[in-house]
Amino acid sequence: MKQLLVFFTLLMSLLGAGTTSVQAQKKLKYPKPDEDKIYEAAAQPATPVGGMEAFAQYLADKQNYPTAALQRGTQGTVVVTFVIEKSGAVSHVEPQQPLDPDLDQEAVRVIKEGPKWTPALNRGEKVRMRMNIPITFQIPADQAASPASPATTAVSAAPALPPTPAATTTPTVIKPDQPARPAGGTDAFFAWIQQNLKYPAQAKQRKVEGRVIVEFIIQKDGSLTDIKPVKRLGSGCDEEAVRLIQSAPKWLPATYQGQPIKQKMVLPVVFQL
């Protein structure tokens, strides 16, 4: 009887150990996300509160051209990198590749003072996510000849009216009254991108993930032209991002004084396995 009791006790211990082992395996299979991990891409990326159109309008309204940089004739694009926290707050704001001290400082300021964001979601949970946004500073044609003029906000665009012969070589830079936007809305546009994206076989094989930043021009008729990657990912992702934008639906063009104008746009195409 004693031997039977010992055998029964040993059997129950082994069964209990087996159950614990299975539970441990389940926990290992579905680990809890690292609280401090910063994601480069997520199933549902972070978005500005109010949408991308409102954020683009905020940048157009609040971005200033530093007077010192204007006097020096300095222009270019500052790519600002920052982290969207789980609370939607913006942190760790800095220029990815410094361009000019004054332009860098202004680009950082306009991002820091911007609206809160809706945090990214991965597997249904809020996560921290890194963002990269290009802030372009371009000296208006009428300011280039007079560098001591007051600082102004500049948005790249073509002339609202047909150019005169004297202005054919230098496009006028103006701020649109209404920025260009996808015909069905920003959310619908990015949904279209996700549905039509074909993950390159080479990128899948190499497990490449990330984003390709694509620059393009929205013409007066809403068509997308001059498409090129300005931040590459490689393994076929750059070509796929360009293909997607080439085949994307038309946009509603930017307008100035009621007339359609061209506008440069920069958007990310996210690749996630």
C-alpha atoms as a PDB file:
ATOM      1  CA  MET A   1       0.000   0.000   0.000  1.00  0.00           C
ATOM      2  CA  LYS A   2       2.856   2.336   0.875  1.00  0.00           C
ATOM      3  CA  GLN A   3       4.557   1.594  -2.468  1.00  0.00           C
ATOM      4  CA  LEU A   4       1.289   2.279  -4.281  1.00  0.00           C
ATOM      5  CA  LEU A   5       0.944   5.618  -2.472  1.00  0.00           C
ATOM      6  CA  VAL A   6       4.525   6.596  -3.383  1.00  0.00           C
ATOM      7  CA  PHE A   7       3.886   5.669  -7.050  1.00  0.00           C
ATOM      8  CA  PHE A   8       0.657   7.687  -7.090  1.00  0.00           C
ATOM      9  CA  THR A   9       2.407  10.709  -5.522  1.00  0.00           C
ATOM     10  CA  LEU A  10       5.259  10.475  -8.057  1.00  0.00           C
ATOM     11  CA  LEU A  11       2.774  10.185 -10.938  1.00  0.00           C
ATOM     12  CA  MET A  12       0.883  13.289  -9.815  1.00  0.00           C
ATOM     13  CA  SER A  13       4.172  15.199  -9.489  1.00  0.00           C
ATOM     14  CA  LEU A  14       5.139  14.249 -13.033  1.00  0.00           C
ATOM     15  CA  LEU A  15       1.723  15.278 -14.369  1.00  0.00           C
ATOM     16  CA  GLY A  16       1.983  18.581 -12.545  1.00  0.00           C
ATOM     17  CA  ALA A  17       5.452  19.173 -13.970  1.00  0.00           C
ATOM     18  CA  GLY A  18       4.143  18.413 -17.443  1.00  0.00           C
ATOM     19  CA  THR A  19       1.326  20.916 -17.059  1.00  0.00           C
ATOM     20  CA  THR A  20       3.745  23.550 -15.810  1.00  0.00           C
ATOM     21  CA  SER A  21       6.025  22.844 -18.780  1.00  0.00           C
ATOM     22  CA  VAL A  22       3.157  23.298 -21.260  1.00  0.00           C
ATOM     23  CA  GLN A  23       2.112  26.546 -19.591  1.00  0.00           C
ATOM     24  CA  ALA A  24       5.700  27.757 -19.680  1.00  0.00           C
ATOM     25  CA  GLN A  25       5.892  26.950 -23.378  1.00  0.00           C
ATOM     26  CA  LYS A  26       2.721  28.947 -23.999  1.00  0.00           C
ATOM     27  CA  LYS A  27       4.200  31.924 -22.183  1.00  0.00           C
ATOM     28  CA  LEU A  28       7.366  31.664 -24.226  1.00  0.00           C
ATOM     29  CA  LYS A  29       5.352  31.458 -27.440  1.00  0.00           C
ATOM     30  CA  TYR A  30       3.454  34.669 -26.715  1.00  0.00           C
ATOM     31  CA  PRO A  31       5.864  36.915 -24.776  1.00  0.00           C
ATOM     32  CA  LYS A  32       4.678  40.175 -23.339  1.00  0.00           C
ATOM     33  CA  PRO A  33       5.924  43.117 -25.442  1.00  0.00           C
ATOM     34  CA  ASP A  34       8.950  44.972 -24.092  1.00  0.00           C
ATOM     35  CA  GLU A  35       7.600  48.089 -22.388  1.00  0.00           C
ATOM     36  CA  ASP A  36      10.551  50.216 -23.534  1.00  0.00           C
ATOM     37  CA  LYS A  37      10.953  48.864 -27.079  1.00  0.00           C
ATOM     38  CA  ILE A  38      10.721  51.467 -29.838  1.00  0.00           C
ATOM     39  CA  TYR A  39       9.116  50.036 -32.983  1.00  0.00           C
ATOM     40  CA  GLU A  40      10.244  51.157 -36.426  1.00  0.00           C
ATOM     41  CA  ALA A  41       7.000  49.791 -37.946  1.00  0.00           C
ATOM     42  CA  ALA A  42       3.736  48.591 -36.396  1.00  0.00           C
ATOM     43  CA  ALA A  43       0.554  46.846 -37.503  1.00  0.00           C
ATOM     44  CA  GLN A  44      -1.278  50.149 -36.984  1.00  0.00           C
ATOM     45  CA  PRO A  45       1.177  53.078 -37.241  1.00  0.00           C
ATOM     46  CA  ALA A  46       0.920  56.187 -35.095  1.00  0.00           C
ATOM     47  CA  THR A  47      -1.085  59.032 -36.649  1.00  0.00           C
ATOM     48  CA  PRO A  48      -1.515  62.701 -35.686  1.00  0.00           C
ATOM     49  CA  VAL A  49      -4.713  63.515 -33.824  1.00  0.00           C
ATOM     50  CA  GLY A  50      -6.975  65.046 -36.441  1.00  0.00           C
ATOM     51  CA  GLY A  51      -5.363  63.161 -39.328  1.00  0.00           C
ATOM     52  CA  MET A  52      -2.473  63.720 -41.703  1.00  0.00           C
ATOM     53  CA  GLU A  53      -4.223  66.515 -43.585  1.00  0.00           C
ATOM     54  CA  ALA A  54      -4.627  68.550 -40.399  1.00  0.00           C
ATOM     55  CA  PHE A  55      -1.002  67.860 -39.465  1.00  0.00           C
ATOM     56  CA  ALA A  56       0.205  68.986 -42.897  1.00  0.00           C
ATOM     57  CA  GLN A  57      -1.840  72.160 -42.494  1.00  0.00           C
ATOM     58  CA  TYR A  58      -0.322  72.693 -39.030  1.00  0.00           C
ATOM     59  CA  LEU A  59       3.183  72.473 -40.525  1.00  0.00           C
ATOM     60  CA  ALA A  60       2.242  74.886 -43.321  1.00  0.00           C
ATOM     61  CA  ASP A  61       0.839  77.379 -40.803  1.00  0.00           C
ATOM     62  CA  LYS A  62       3.473  77.165 -38.061  1.00  0.00           C
ATOM     63  CA  GLN A  63       6.754  76.519 -39.881  1.00  0.00           C
ATOM     64  CA  ASN A  64       8.926  79.646 -40.023  1.00  0.00           C
ATOM     65  CA  TYR A  65      12.027  80.334 -42.084  1.00  0.00           C
ATOM     66  CA  PRO A  66      14.844  81.435 -39.705  1.00  0.00           C
ATOM     67  CA  THR A  67      16.015  84.910 -40.708  1.00  0.00           C
ATOM     68  CA  ALA A  68      19.705  84.014 -40.353  1.00  0.00           C
ATOM     69  CA  ALA A  69      19.332  81.018 -42.690  1.00  0.00           C
ATOM     70  CA  LEU A  70      17.368  83.150 -45.127  1.00  0.00           C
ATOM     71  CA  GLN A  71      20.120  85.773 -45.154  1.00  0.00           C
ATOM     72  CA  ARG A  72      22.743  83.097 -45.810  1.00  0.00           C
ATOM     73  CA  GLY A  73      20.637  81.660 -48.622  1.00  0.00           C
ATOM     74  CA  THR A  74      20.570  78.265 -46.874  1.00  0.00           C
ATOM     75  CA  GLN A  75      17.800  75.886 -47.882  1.00  0.00           C
ATOM     76  CA  GLY A  76      17.115  72.154 -47.946  1.00  0.00           C
ATOM     77  CA  THR A  77      15.251  69.391 -46.114  1.00  0.00           C
ATOM     78  CA  VAL A  78      15.705  68.454 -42.458  1.00  0.00           C
ATOM     79  CA  VAL A  79      14.518  64.921 -41.693  1.00  0.00           C
ATOM     80  CA  VAL A  80      13.346  64.985 -38.073  1.00  0.00           C
ATOM     81  CA  THR A  81      13.283  61.724 -36.126  1.00  0.00           C
ATOM     82  CA  PHE A  82      11.170  61.393 -32.987  1.00  0.00           C
ATOM     83  CA  VAL A  83       9.300  58.859 -30.845  1.00  0.00           C
ATOM     84  CA  ILE A  84       5.538  58.686 -30.341  1.00  0.00           C
ATOM     85  CA  GLU A  85       5.012  57.459 -26.783  1.00  0.00           C
ATOM     86  CA  LYS A  86       2.121  55.224 -25.695  1.00  0.00           C
ATOM     87  CA  SER A  87       0.419  58.353 -24.331  1.00  0.00           C
ATOM     88  CA  GLY A  88       0.581  60.024 -27.756  1.00  0.00           C
ATOM     89  CA  ALA A  89       3.220  62.502 -26.581  1.00  0.00           C
ATOM     90  CA  VAL A  90       6.235  63.325 -28.753  1.00  0.00           C
ATOM     91  CA  SER A  91       9.732  62.685 -27.366  1.00  0.00           C
ATOM     92  CA  HIS A  92      13.376  62.254 -28.458  1.00  0.00           C
ATOM     93  CA  VAL A  93      13.024  64.882 -31.199  1.00  0.00           C
ATOM     94  CA  GLU A  94      16.216  65.500 -33.168  1.00  0.00           C
ATOM     95  CA  PRO A  95      17.434  66.001 -36.744  1.00  0.00           C
ATOM     96  CA  GLN A  96      18.391  62.698 -38.357  1.00  0.00           C
ATOM     97  CA  GLN A  97      21.175  64.314 -40.387  1.00  0.00           C
ATOM     98  CA  PRO A  98      21.951  67.909 -39.324  1.00  0.00           C
ATOM     99  CA  LEU A  99      21.673  70.382 -42.209  1.00  0.00           C
ATOM    100  CA  ASP A 100      22.033  73.856 -40.697  1.00  0.00           C
ATOM    101  CA  PRO A 101      21.868  74.862 -37.002  1.00  0.00           C
ATOM    102  CA  ASP A 102      19.033  77.355 -37.522  1.00  0.00           C
ATOM    103  CA  LEU A 103      17.012  75.124 -39.877  1.00  0.00           C
ATOM    104  CA  ASP A 104      17.566  72.106 -37.604  1.00  0.00           C
ATOM    105  CA  GLN A 105      16.368  74.059 -34.578  1.00  0.00           C
ATOM    106  CA  GLU A 106      13.231  75.292 -36.356  1.00  0.00           C
ATOM    107  CA  ALA A 107      12.385  71.799 -37.666  1.00  0.00           C
ATOM    108  CA  VAL A 108      12.732  70.353 -34.146  1.00  0.00           C
ATOM    109  CA  ARG A 109      10.621  73.177 -32.679  1.00  0.00           C
ATOM    110  CA  VAL A 110       7.720  72.724 -35.070  1.00  0.00           C
ATOM    111  CA  ILE A 111       7.562  68.975 -34.322  1.00  0.00           C
ATOM    112  CA  LYS A 112       7.853  69.447 -30.534  1.00  0.00           C
ATOM    113  CA  GLU A 113       5.063  72.029 -30.482  1.00  0.00           C
ATOM    114  CA  GLY A 114       2.799  70.003 -32.764  1.00  0.00           C
ATOM    115  CA  PRO A 115      -0.428  68.220 -31.782  1.00  0.00           C
ATOM    116  CA  LYS A 116      -0.487  64.929 -29.884  1.00  0.00           C
ATOM    117  CA  TRP A 117      -0.613  61.677 -31.814  1.00  0.00           C
ATOM    118  CA  THR A 118      -2.720  58.549 -31.644  1.00  0.00           C
ATOM    119  CA  PRO A 119      -0.175  55.937 -30.508  1.00  0.00           C
ATOM    120  CA  ALA A 120       0.775  52.928 -32.621  1.00  0.00           C
ATOM    121  CA  LEU A 121      -0.782  49.518 -32.005  1.00  0.00           C
ATOM    122  CA  ASN A 122       0.930  46.168 -32.366  1.00  0.00           C
ATOM    123  CA  ARG A 123      -1.001  42.958 -31.632  1.00  0.00           C
ATOM    124  CA  GLY A 124      -3.729  45.115 -30.142  1.00  0.00           C
ATOM    125  CA  GLU A 125      -1.460  46.855 -27.619  1.00  0.00           C
ATOM    126  CA  LYS A 126      -0.115  50.408 -27.585  1.00  0.00           C
ATOM    127  CA  VAL A 127       3.586  50.590 -28.403  1.00  0.00           C
ATOM    128  CA  ARG A 128       6.246  53.260 -28.758  1.00  0.00           C
ATOM    129  CA  MET A 129       7.049  54.057 -32.392  1.00  0.00           C
ATOM    130  CA  ARG A 130       9.770  56.012 -34.142  1.00  0.00           C
ATOM    131  CA  MET A 131       8.727  58.480 -36.832  1.00  0.00           C
ATOM    132  CA  ASN A 132      10.725  60.348 -39.470  1.00  0.00           C
ATOM    133  CA  ILE A 133       9.223  63.447 -41.074  1.00  0.00           C
ATOM    134  CA  PRO A 134      10.981  65.679 -43.630  1.00  0.00           C
ATOM    135  CA  ILE A 135      10.671  69.432 -43.075  1.00  0.00           C
ATOM    136  CA  THR A 136      11.573  71.344 -46.253  1.00  0.00           C
ATOM    137  CA  PHE A 137      12.903  74.892 -46.289  1.00  0.00           C
ATOM    138  CA  GLN A 138      12.932  76.506 -49.732  1.00  0.00           C
ATOM    139  CA  ILE A 139      13.569  80.184 -50.314  1.00  0.00           C
ATOM    140  CA  PRO A 140      10.775  81.808 -52.336  1.00  0.00           C
ATOM    141  CA  ALA A 141      11.877  83.234 -55.698  1.00  0.00           C
ATOM    142  CA  ASP A 142      10.939  86.765 -54.677  1.00  0.00           C
ATOM    143  CA  GLN A 143      12.968  86.406 -51.441  1.00  0.00           C
ATOM    144  CA  ALA A 144      16.081  84.973 -53.087  1.00  0.00           C
ATOM    145  CA  ALA A 145      17.006  88.339 -54.571  1.00  0.00           C
ATOM    146  CA  SER A 146      16.496  90.067 -51.219  1.00  0.00           C
ATOM    147  CA  PRO A 147      18.020  87.872 -48.473  1.00  0.00           C
ATOM    148  CA  ALA A 148      17.455  90.475 -45.757  1.00  0.00           C
ATOM    149  CA  SER A 149      13.666  90.203 -46.104  1.00  0.00           C
ATOM    150  CA  PRO A 150      11.617  88.955 -43.117  1.00  0.00           C
ATOM    151  CA  ALA A 151      11.346  85.179 -42.574  1.00  0.00           C
ATOM    152  CA  THR A 152       8.436  83.467 -44.282  1.00  0.00           C
ATOM    153  CA  THR A 153       6.917  80.016 -44.490  1.00  0.00           C
ATOM    154  CA  ALA A 154       7.678  78.368 -47.816  1.00  0.00           C
ATOM    155  CA  VAL A 155       5.791  75.505 -49.444  1.00  0.00           C
ATOM    156  CA  SER A 156       6.998  74.045 -52.731  1.00  0.00           C
ATOM    157  CA  ALA A 157       4.523  74.526 -55.551  1.00  0.00           C
ATOM    158  CA  ALA A 158       4.301  75.565 -59.174  1.00  0.00           C
ATOM    159  CA  PRO A 159       2.913  78.946 -60.267  1.00  0.00           C
ATOM    160  CA  ALA A 160      -0.817  79.425 -59.797  1.00  0.00           C
ATOM    161  CA  LEU A 161      -0.922  81.265 -63.136  1.00  0.00           C
ATOM    162  CA  PRO A 162       0.850  80.442 -66.419  1.00  0.00           C
ATOM    163  CA  PRO A 163       4.494  81.572 -66.100  1.00  0.00           C
ATOM    164  CA  THR A 164       5.760  84.545 -68.027  1.00  0.00           C
ATOM    165  CA  PRO A 165       8.814  84.049 -70.281  1.00  0.00           C
ATOM    166  CA  ALA A 166      11.045  85.674 -67.663  1.00  0.00           C
ATOM    167  CA  ALA A 167       9.942  83.168 -65.003  1.00  0.00           C
ATOM    168  CA  THR A 168      10.108  79.915 -66.924  1.00  0.00           C
ATOM    169  CA  THR A 169      13.413  78.807 -65.386  1.00  0.00           C
ATOM    170  CA  THR A 170      12.502  79.537 -61.760  1.00  0.00           C
ATOM    171  CA  PRO A 171       9.153  78.261 -60.411  1.00  0.00           C
ATOM    172  CA  THR A 172       7.392  80.514 -57.947  1.00  0.00           C
ATOM    173  CA  VAL A 173       7.188  79.198 -54.377  1.00  0.00           C
ATOM    174  CA  ILE A 174       3.878  79.869 -52.685  1.00  0.00           C
ATOM    175  CA  LYS A 175       1.829  78.566 -49.789  1.00  0.00           C
ATOM    176  CA  PRO A 176      -1.368  76.840 -50.980  1.00  0.00           C
ATOM    177  CA  ASP A 177      -4.688  77.850 -49.477  1.00  0.00           C
ATOM    178  CA  GLN A 178      -5.683  74.165 -49.509  1.00  0.00           C
ATOM    179  CA  PRO A 179      -2.995  71.417 -49.496  1.00  0.00           C
ATOM    180  CA  ALA A 180      -3.272  68.437 -51.820  1.00  0.00           C
ATOM    181  CA  ARG A 181      -5.045  65.407 -50.353  1.00  0.00           C
ATOM    182  CA  PRO A 182      -6.188  61.919 -51.396  1.00  0.00           C
ATOM    183  CA  ALA A 183      -9.586  61.969 -53.102  1.00  0.00           C
ATOM    184  CA  GLY A 184     -11.081  59.446 -50.659  1.00  0.00           C
ATOM    185  CA  GLY A 185      -9.240  60.723 -47.589  1.00  0.00           C
ATOM    186  CA  THR A 186      -5.886  59.856 -46.019  1.00  0.00           C
ATOM    187  CA  ASP A 187      -7.128  56.721 -44.242  1.00  0.00           C
ATOM    188  CA  ALA A 188      -8.604  55.326 -47.454  1.00  0.00           C
ATOM    189  CA  PHE A 189      -5.364  56.058 -49.326  1.00  0.00           C
ATOM    190  CA  PHE A 190      -3.181  54.203 -46.825  1.00  0.00           C
ATOM    191  CA  ALA A 191      -5.714  51.340 -46.759  1.00  0.00           C
ATOM    192  CA  TRP A 192      -5.364  51.133 -50.550  1.00  0.00           C
ATOM    193  CA  ILE A 193      -1.571  51.022 -50.171  1.00  0.00           C
ATOM    194  CA  GLN A 194      -1.776  48.133 -47.685  1.00  0.00           C
ATOM    195  CA  GLN A 195      -4.229  46.164 -49.854  1.00  0.00           C
ATOM    196  CA  ASN A 196      -2.178  46.558 -53.039  1.00  0.00           C
ATOM    197  CA  LEU A 197       1.333  46.219 -51.623  1.00  0.00           C
ATOM    198  CA  LYS A 198       3.176  43.146 -52.950  1.00  0.00           C
ATOM    199  CA  TYR A 199       5.949  42.198 -50.548  1.00  0.00           C
ATOM    200  CA  PRO A 200       9.112  41.605 -52.618  1.00  0.00           C
ATOM    201  CA  ALA A 201      10.306  37.989 -52.504  1.00  0.00           C
ATOM    202  CA  GLN A 202      13.872  39.074 -51.759  1.00  0.00           C
ATOM    203  CA  ALA A 203      12.725  41.234 -48.833  1.00  0.00           C
ATOM    204  CA  LYS A 204      10.675  38.323 -47.460  1.00  0.00           C
ATOM    205  CA  GLN A 205      13.628  35.976 -47.753  1.00  0.00           C
ATOM    206  CA  ARG A 206      15.902  38.434 -45.968  1.00  0.00           C
ATOM    207  CA  LYS A 207      13.152  39.384 -43.462  1.00  0.00           C
ATOM    208  CA  VAL A 208      13.543  43.057 -44.344  1.00  0.00           C
ATOM    209  CA  GLU A 209      11.076  45.380 -42.608  1.00  0.00           C
ATOM    210  CA  GLY A 210      10.804  49.152 -42.388  1.00  0.00           C
ATOM    211  CA  ARG A 211       9.646  52.064 -44.506  1.00  0.00           C
ATOM    212  CA  VAL A 212      10.495  53.648 -47.823  1.00  0.00           C
ATOM    213  CA  ILE A 213      10.035  57.424 -47.916  1.00  0.00           C
ATOM    214  CA  VAL A 214       8.711  58.368 -51.356  1.00  0.00           C
ATOM    215  CA  GLU A 215       8.683  61.864 -52.849  1.00  0.00           C
ATOM    216  CA  PHE A 216       6.346  62.834 -55.691  1.00  0.00           C
ATOM    217  CA  ILE A 217       4.578  65.763 -57.324  1.00  0.00           C
ATOM    218  CA  ILE A 218       0.797  66.109 -57.326  1.00  0.00           C
ATOM    219  CA  GLN A 219      -0.069  67.778 -60.614  1.00  0.00           C
ATOM    220  CA  LYS A 220      -2.925  70.238 -61.225  1.00  0.00           C
ATOM    221  CA  ASP A 221      -5.127  67.388 -62.500  1.00  0.00           C
ATOM    222  CA  GLY A 222      -4.427  65.268 -59.382  1.00  0.00           C
ATOM    223  CA  SER A 223      -2.058  62.821 -61.092  1.00  0.00           C
ATOM    224  CA  LEU A 224       1.134  61.736 -59.302  1.00  0.00           C
ATOM    225  CA  THR A 225       4.436  62.241 -61.137  1.00  0.00           C
ATOM    226  CA  ASP A 226       8.203  62.591 -60.530  1.00  0.00           C
ATOM    227  CA  ILE A 227       8.089  59.648 -58.102  1.00  0.00           C
ATOM    228  CA  LYS A 228      11.330  58.707 -56.386  1.00  0.00           C
ATOM    229  CA  PRO A 229      12.452  57.149 -53.086  1.00  0.00           C
ATOM    230  CA  VAL A 230      14.309  59.624 -50.864  1.00  0.00           C
ATOM    231  CA  LYS A 231      14.921  57.100 -48.055  1.00  0.00           C
ATOM    232  CA  ARG A 232      15.575  53.584 -49.305  1.00  0.00           C
ATOM    233  CA  LEU A 233      15.113  50.164 -47.726  1.00  0.00           C
ATOM    234  CA  GLY A 234      16.490  47.899 -50.460  1.00  0.00           C
ATOM    235  CA  SER A 235      15.717  44.257 -51.357  1.00  0.00           C
ATOM    236  CA  GLY A 236      13.091  45.316 -53.899  1.00  0.00           C
ATOM    237  CA  CYS A 237      11.096  47.484 -51.443  1.00  0.00           C
ATOM    238  CA  ASP A 238      12.119  50.773 -53.100  1.00  0.00           C
ATOM    239  CA  GLU A 239      10.859  49.631 -56.512  1.00  0.00           C
ATOM    240  CA  GLU A 240       7.619  48.320 -55.009  1.00  0.00           C
ATOM    241  CA  ALA A 241       6.986  51.618 -53.206  1.00  0.00           C
ATOM    242  CA  VAL A 242       7.460  53.552 -56.455  1.00  0.00           C
ATOM    243  CA  ARG A 243       5.149  51.120 -58.294  1.00  0.00           C
ATOM    244  CA  LEU A 244       2.444  51.604 -55.669  1.00  0.00           C
ATOM    245  CA  ILE A 245       2.507  55.393 -55.935  1.00  0.00           C
ATOM    246  CA  GLN A 246       2.557  55.197 -59.740  1.00  0.00           C
ATOM    247  CA  SER A 247      -0.623  53.104 -59.757  1.00  0.00           C
ATOM    248  CA  ALA A 248      -2.330  54.925 -56.872  1.00  0.00           C
ATOM    249  CA  PRO A 249      -5.655  56.771 -57.325  1.00  0.00           C
ATOM    250  CA  LYS A 250      -5.562  60.460 -58.215  1.00  0.00           C
ATOM    251  CA  TRP A 251      -5.493  63.131 -55.534  1.00  0.00           C
ATOM    252  CA  LEU A 252      -7.365  66.375 -55.122  1.00  0.00           C
ATOM    253  CA  PRO A 253      -4.756  68.977 -56.110  1.00  0.00           C
ATOM    254  CA  ALA A 254      -3.603  71.837 -53.921  1.00  0.00           C
ATOM    255  CA  THR A 255      -5.277  75.179 -54.619  1.00  0.00           C
ATOM    256  CA  TYR A 256      -4.193  78.795 -54.413  1.00  0.00           C
ATOM    257  CA  GLN A 257      -6.747  81.597 -54.786  1.00  0.00           C
ATOM    258  CA  GLY A 258      -9.218  79.051 -56.097  1.00  0.00           C
ATOM    259  CA  GLN A 259      -6.888  77.708 -58.804  1.00  0.00           C
ATOM    260  CA  PRO A 260      -5.229  74.241 -58.793  1.00  0.00           C
ATOM    261  CA  ILE A 261      -1.435  74.225 -58.412  1.00  0.00           C
ATOM    262  CA  LYS A 262       1.312  71.604 -58.250  1.00  0.00           C
ATOM    263  CA  GLN A 263       2.570  70.451 -54.854  1.00  0.00           C
ATOM    264  CA  LYS A 264       5.441  68.247 -53.705  1.00  0.00           C
ATOM    265  CA  MET A 265       4.509  65.466 -51.279  1.00  0.00           C
ATOM    266  CA  VAL A 266       6.555  63.036 -49.188  1.00  0.00           C
ATOM    267  CA  LEU A 267       4.924  59.874 -47.802  1.00  0.00           C
ATOM    268  CA  PRO A 268       6.115  56.626 -46.148  1.00  0.00           C
ATOM    269  CA  VAL A 269       5.332  53.172 -47.542  1.00  0.00           C
ATOM    270  CA  VAL A 270       5.588  50.656 -44.683  1.00  0.00           C
ATOM    271  CA  PHE A 271       6.792  47.076 -45.172  1.00  0.00           C
ATOM    272  CA  GLN A 272       6.024  44.694 -42.297  1.00  0.00           C
ATOM    273  CA  LEU A 273       6.051  40.904 -42.316  1.00  0.00           C
END
